[in-house]
C-alpha atoms as a PDB file:
ATOM      1  CA  MET A   1      91.541 104.338  85.153  1.00  0.00           C
ATOM      2  CA  ILE A   2      94.709 103.647  87.667  1.00  0.00           C
ATOM      3  CA  ALA A   3      95.886 100.323  86.161  1.00  0.00           C
ATOM      4  CA  LYS A   4      98.441  99.800  89.294  1.00  0.00           C
ATOM      5  CA  ILE A   5     100.435 102.181  91.491  1.00  0.00           C
ATOM      6  CA  ARG A   6     104.028 100.997  91.643  1.00  0.00           C
ATOM      7  CA  ILE A   7     106.685 101.732  94.358  1.00  0.00           C
ATOM      8  CA  ASP A   8     110.047 101.956  92.563  1.00  0.00           C
ATOM      9  CA  ASP A   9     112.954 104.390  93.753  1.00  0.00           C
ATOM     10  CA  ARG A  10     114.451 104.473  89.992  1.00  0.00           C
ATOM     11  CA  LEU A  11     111.001 105.343  88.939  1.00  0.00           C
ATOM     12  CA  LEU A  12     111.054 104.622  85.295  1.00  0.00           C
ATOM     13  CA  HIS A  13     113.649 102.278  83.620  1.00  0.00           C
ATOM     14  CA  GLY A  14     113.514  99.843  80.888  1.00  0.00           C
ATOM     15  CA  GLN A  15     112.388  96.716  82.772  1.00  0.00           C
ATOM     16  CA  VAL A  16     109.473  98.774  84.321  1.00  0.00           C
ATOM     17  CA  ALA A  17     108.586 100.389  81.111  1.00  0.00           C
ATOM     18  CA  TYR A  18     108.446  97.351  78.942  1.00  0.00           C
ATOM     19  CA  SER A  19     107.440  94.372  81.169  1.00  0.00           C
ATOM     20  CA  TRP A  20     104.680  96.176  82.893  1.00  0.00           C
ATOM     21  CA  LYS A  21     103.631  97.604  79.470  1.00  0.00           C
ATOM     22  CA  ALA A  22     103.167  93.979  78.384  1.00  0.00           C
ATOM     23  CA  ALA A  23     101.340  92.836  81.499  1.00  0.00           C
ATOM     24  CA  LEU A  24      99.110  95.954  81.923  1.00  0.00           C
ATOM     25  CA  SER A  25      98.539  97.359  78.347  1.00  0.00           C
ATOM     26  CA  TYR A  26      98.643 101.082  79.787  1.00  0.00           C
ATOM     27  CA  ASP A  27      98.247 104.081  77.607  1.00  0.00           C
ATOM     28  CA  ALA A  28      99.899 106.778  80.208  1.00  0.00           C
ATOM     29  CA  ILE A  29     102.581 106.957  82.752  1.00  0.00           C
ATOM     30  CA  VAL A  30     102.125 109.241  85.735  1.00  0.00           C
ATOM     31  CA  ILE A  31     105.216 109.774  87.684  1.00  0.00           C
ATOM     32  CA  ALA A  32     104.390 111.309  91.120  1.00  0.00           C
ATOM     33  CA  SER A  33     107.587 112.551  92.859  1.00  0.00           C
ATOM     34  CA  ASP A  34     108.243 115.943  94.239  1.00  0.00           C
ATOM     35  CA  ASP A  35     112.043 115.505  93.791  1.00  0.00           C
ATOM     36  CA  THR A  36     111.846 114.346  90.222  1.00  0.00           C
ATOM     37  CA  ALA A  37     109.333 117.143  89.165  1.00  0.00           C
ATOM     38  CA  ASN A  38     111.949 119.777  89.897  1.00  0.00           C
ATOM     39  CA  ASP A  39     114.938 117.839  88.456  1.00  0.00           C
ATOM     40  CA  ASP A  40     115.129 118.670  84.694  1.00  0.00           C
ATOM     41  CA  MET A  41     118.117 116.418  84.197  1.00  0.00           C
ATOM     42  CA  ARG A  42     116.165 113.439  85.645  1.00  0.00           C
ATOM     43  CA  LYS A  43     113.181 114.191  83.778  1.00  0.00           C
ATOM     44  CA  VAL A  44     115.009 114.083  80.595  1.00  0.00           C
ATOM     45  CA  ALA A  45     116.395 110.286  81.225  1.00  0.00           C
ATOM     46  CA  ILE A  46     112.937 109.190  82.440  1.00  0.00           C
ATOM     47  CA  LYS A  47     111.667 110.197  79.097  1.00  0.00           C
ATOM     48  CA  LEU A  48     114.193 108.361  77.338  1.00  0.00           C
ATOM     49  CA  CYS A  49     112.648 105.246  78.943  1.00  0.00           C
ATOM     50  CA  CYS A  50     109.121 105.728  78.226  1.00  0.00           C
ATOM     51  CA  PRO A  51     107.722 103.495  75.424  1.00  0.00           C
ATOM     52  CA  ASP A  52     106.579 104.924  71.984  1.00  0.00           C
ATOM     53  CA  GLY A  53     103.052 105.699  72.118  1.00  0.00           C
ATOM     54  CA  VAL A  54     102.733 105.939  75.625  1.00  0.00           C
ATOM     55  CA  LYS A  55     102.027 109.498  77.185  1.00  0.00           C
ATOM     56  CA  LEU A  56     104.102 110.407  80.063  1.00  0.00           C
ATOM     57  CA  ALA A  57     103.710 112.960  82.901  1.00  0.00           C
ATOM     58  CA  ILE A  58     106.023 113.874  85.617  1.00  0.00           C
ATOM     59  CA  ARG A  59     104.406 115.826  88.672  1.00  0.00           C
ATOM     60  CA  SER A  60     104.786 116.478  92.216  1.00  0.00           C
ATOM     61  CA  VAL A  61     102.593 114.316  94.227  1.00  0.00           C
ATOM     62  CA  LYS A  62      99.916 117.182  94.490  1.00  0.00           C
ATOM     63  CA  GLU A  63     100.227 117.880  90.693  1.00  0.00           C
ATOM     64  CA  ALA A  64      99.770 114.195  89.869  1.00  0.00           C
ATOM     65  CA  ALA A  65      96.799 113.942  92.242  1.00  0.00           C
ATOM     66  CA  ILE A  66      95.028 116.868  90.314  1.00  0.00           C
ATOM     67  CA  LEU A  67      96.086 115.104  86.743  1.00  0.00           C
ATOM     68  CA  LEU A  68      94.854 111.647  87.898  1.00  0.00           C
ATOM     69  CA  LYS A  69      91.401 113.458  88.535  1.00  0.00           C
ATOM     70  CA  ASN A  70      91.141 114.591  85.192  1.00  0.00           C
ATOM     71  CA  PRO A  71      88.305 113.177  83.280  1.00  0.00           C
ATOM     72  CA  LYS A  72      90.327 112.683  80.132  1.00  0.00           C
ATOM     73  CA  LEU A  73      92.330 110.028  82.066  1.00  0.00           C
ATOM     74  CA  VAL A  74      89.131 107.904  82.920  1.00  0.00           C
ATOM     75  CA  SER A  75      89.220 106.383  79.547  1.00  0.00           C
ATOM     76  CA  MET A  76      92.698 105.871  79.652  1.00  0.00           C
ATOM     77  CA  LYS A  77      94.678 102.923  81.424  1.00  0.00           C
ATOM     78  CA  VAL A  78      97.367 104.764  83.627  1.00  0.00           C
ATOM     79  CA  PHE A  79     100.545 103.237  85.368  1.00  0.00           C
ATOM     80  CA  VAL A  80     101.498 105.390  88.272  1.00  0.00           C
ATOM     81  CA  ILE A  81     104.910 105.179  89.773  1.00  0.00           C
ATOM     82  CA  CYS A  82     106.016 106.888  92.820  1.00  0.00           C
ATOM     83  CA  ALA A  83     109.550 106.719  94.453  1.00  0.00           C
ATOM     84  CA  ASN A  84     108.564 105.552  97.945  1.00  0.00           C
ATOM     85  CA  PRO A  85     105.743 104.537 100.282  1.00  0.00           C
ATOM     86  CA  LYS A  86     105.350 107.948 101.970  1.00  0.00           C
ATOM     87  CA  SER A  87     104.631 109.479  98.219  1.00  0.00           C
ATOM     88  CA  VAL A  88     101.950 106.649  97.589  1.00  0.00           C
ATOM     89  CA  TYR A  89     100.135 107.255 100.907  1.00  0.00           C
ATOM     90  CA  GLU A  90     100.081 111.042 100.371  1.00  0.00           C
ATOM     91  CA  LEU A  91      98.905 110.376  96.767  1.00  0.00           C
ATOM     92  CA  LEU A  92      96.185 108.118  97.935  1.00  0.00           C
ATOM     93  CA  GLN A  93      94.988 110.847 100.499  1.00  0.00           C
ATOM     94  CA  LEU A  94      94.453 113.136  97.502  1.00  0.00           C
ATOM     95  CA  ILE A  95      92.580 110.750  95.202  1.00  0.00           C
ATOM     96  CA  GLU A  96      89.425 108.684  95.436  1.00  0.00           C
ATOM     97  CA  GLU A  97      90.306 105.944  93.018  1.00  0.00           C
ATOM     98  CA  ARG A  98      92.077 103.026  94.367  1.00  0.00           C
ATOM     99  CA  SER A  99      94.327 100.509  92.750  1.00  0.00           C
ATOM    100  CA  THR A 100      96.727  97.806  93.979  1.00  0.00           C
ATOM    101  CA  VAL A 101      99.852  99.084  95.072  1.00  0.00           C
ATOM    102  CA  ASN A 102     102.867  96.994  93.749  1.00  0.00           C
ATOM    103  CA  LEU A 103     106.064  97.124  95.755  1.00  0.00           C
ATOM    104  CA  GLY A 104     108.747  96.443  93.233  1.00  0.00           C
ATOM    105  CA  GLY A 105     112.189  98.116  93.709  1.00  0.00           C
ATOM    106  CA  MET A 106     113.741 100.280  96.672  1.00  0.00           C
ATOM    107  CA  GLN A 107     117.441  99.814  96.476  1.00  0.00           C
ATOM    108  CA  MET A 108     119.677  99.348  99.764  1.00  0.00           C
ATOM    109  CA  GLY A 109     120.630 102.457 101.796  1.00  0.00           C
ATOM    110  CA  PRO A 110     121.298 103.612 105.293  1.00  0.00           C
ATOM    111  CA  ASP A 111     119.018 102.170 107.893  1.00  0.00           C
ATOM    112  CA  LYS A 112     117.393  99.914 105.673  1.00  0.00           C
ATOM    113  CA  VAL A 113     116.927  96.102 105.869  1.00  0.00           C
ATOM    114  CA  SER A 114     116.072  93.475 103.261  1.00  0.00           C
ATOM    115  CA  PHE A 115     112.301  93.107 102.756  1.00  0.00           C
ATOM    116  CA  SER A 116     112.418  90.837  99.657  1.00  0.00           C
ATOM    117  CA  PRO A 117     115.237  90.335  96.866  1.00  0.00           C
ATOM    118  CA  ALA A 118     114.718  93.998  95.042  1.00  0.00           C
ATOM    119  CA  VAL A 119     113.375  95.729  98.065  1.00  0.00           C
ATOM    120  CA  TYR A 120     115.077  97.452 101.124  1.00  0.00           C
ATOM    121  CA  VAL A 121     113.195  99.372 103.746  1.00  0.00           C
ATOM    122  CA  ASN A 122     113.526 101.702 106.685  1.00  0.00           C
ATOM    123  CA  LYS A 123     111.329 102.238 109.240  1.00  0.00           C
ATOM    124  CA  GLU A 124     109.604 105.168 107.703  1.00  0.00           C
ATOM    125  CA  ASP A 125     108.893 102.892 104.739  1.00  0.00           C
ATOM    126  CA  ILE A 126     107.131 100.403 106.957  1.00  0.00           C
ATOM    127  CA  GLU A 127     105.015 102.800 108.645  1.00  0.00           C
ATOM    128  CA  TYR A 128     103.750 104.327 105.427  1.00  0.00           C
ATOM    129  CA  LEU A 129     103.345 100.773 103.774  1.00  0.00           C
ATOM    130  CA  ASP A 130     101.265  99.808 107.097  1.00  0.00           C
ATOM    131  CA  LYS A 131      99.300 102.855 106.736  1.00  0.00           C
ATOM    132  CA  ILE A 132      98.344 101.919 102.910  1.00  0.00           C
ATOM    133  CA  VAL A 133      97.334  98.400 104.127  1.00  0.00           C
ATOM    134  CA  GLU A 134      95.202  99.876 106.971  1.00  0.00           C
ATOM    135  CA  SER A 135      93.388 101.922 104.713  1.00  0.00           C
ATOM    136  CA  GLY A 136      92.141  98.882 102.950  1.00  0.00           C
ATOM    137  CA  ILE A 137      94.409  98.859  99.890  1.00  0.00           C
ATOM    138  CA  LEU A 138      96.286  95.509  98.899  1.00  0.00           C
ATOM    139  CA  ILE A 139     100.152  95.770  98.400  1.00  0.00           C
ATOM    140  CA  GLU A 140     101.776  92.941  96.213  1.00  0.00           C
ATOM    141  CA  VAL A 141     105.551  92.664  96.331  1.00  0.00           C
ATOM    142  CA  GLN A 142     106.527  91.865  92.770  1.00  0.00           C
ATOM    143  CA  GLU A 143     109.783  93.084  90.983  1.00  0.00           C
ATOM    144  CA  VAL A 144     108.360  92.047  87.401  1.00  0.00           C
ATOM    145  CA  PRO A 145     105.223  90.635  86.084  1.00  0.00           C
ATOM    146  CA  ALA A 146     107.189  87.210  85.402  1.00  0.00           C
ATOM    147  CA  LYS A 147     107.904  86.729  88.918  1.00  0.00           C
ATOM    148  CA  SER A 148     105.614  85.433  91.478  1.00  0.00           C
ATOM    149  CA  VAL A 149     103.525  87.593  93.768  1.00  0.00           C
ATOM    150  CA  LYS A 150     104.596  87.660  97.446  1.00  0.00           C
ATOM    151  CA  SER A 151     102.291  88.727 100.155  1.00  0.00           C
ATOM    152  CA  TYR A 152     103.086  91.836 101.932  1.00  0.00           C
ATOM    153  CA  SER A 153     101.558  90.685 105.112  1.00  0.00           C
ATOM    154  CA  ASN A 154     103.859  87.694 105.027  1.00  0.00           C
ATOM    155  CA  LEU A 155     107.037  89.497 104.520  1.00  0.00           C
ATOM    156  CA  ARG A 156     105.928  92.370 106.883  1.00  0.00           C
ATOM    157  CA  LYS A 157     106.120  89.725 109.741  1.00  0.00           C
ATOM    158  CA  LYS A 158     109.868  89.184 109.347  1.00  0.00           C
ATOM    159  CA  VAL A 159     110.569  92.771 109.686  1.00  0.00           C
ATOM    160  CA  ASN A 160     110.540  94.613 112.815  1.00  0.00           C
ATOM    161  CA  PHE A 161     112.331  98.171 113.783  1.00  0.00           C
ATOM    162  CA  SER A 162     112.706  98.669 117.326  1.00  0.00           C
ATOM    163  CA  LYS A 163     110.995 101.941 118.556  1.00  0.00           C
END
């Protein structure tokens, strides 16, 4: 069972691993990232951040979808982490299970604007986030469980990219 899907471009780091572990009591983490699945050095770094006793799988988006359909995961609480909204949208197209999407951390970069204190988005990010919402999935904006949840739709009203 998917406990939550998180968007965080740093994927797994101490803050995510431990604060969300306490909040969700997850048994496994599935990282769905095409880039990371092919980056042995990054996989080693991510494995160091995984809490003891938690199963970790780092897969491409397509391979993560196959894994998430595995009946063995039905009895487990799974925390899914993707690096960007596009990956989440692609993953959701490949699985039937639905979960709240947590928009938690996207770093500043070229053509990005501030969406919330820990989230910077570009036009493509907004397009995919909007598609996720249009499919009926709730997006909550929350850096860590101790912080209050912000409404995606309220924050979205403040961001406009010219066509």
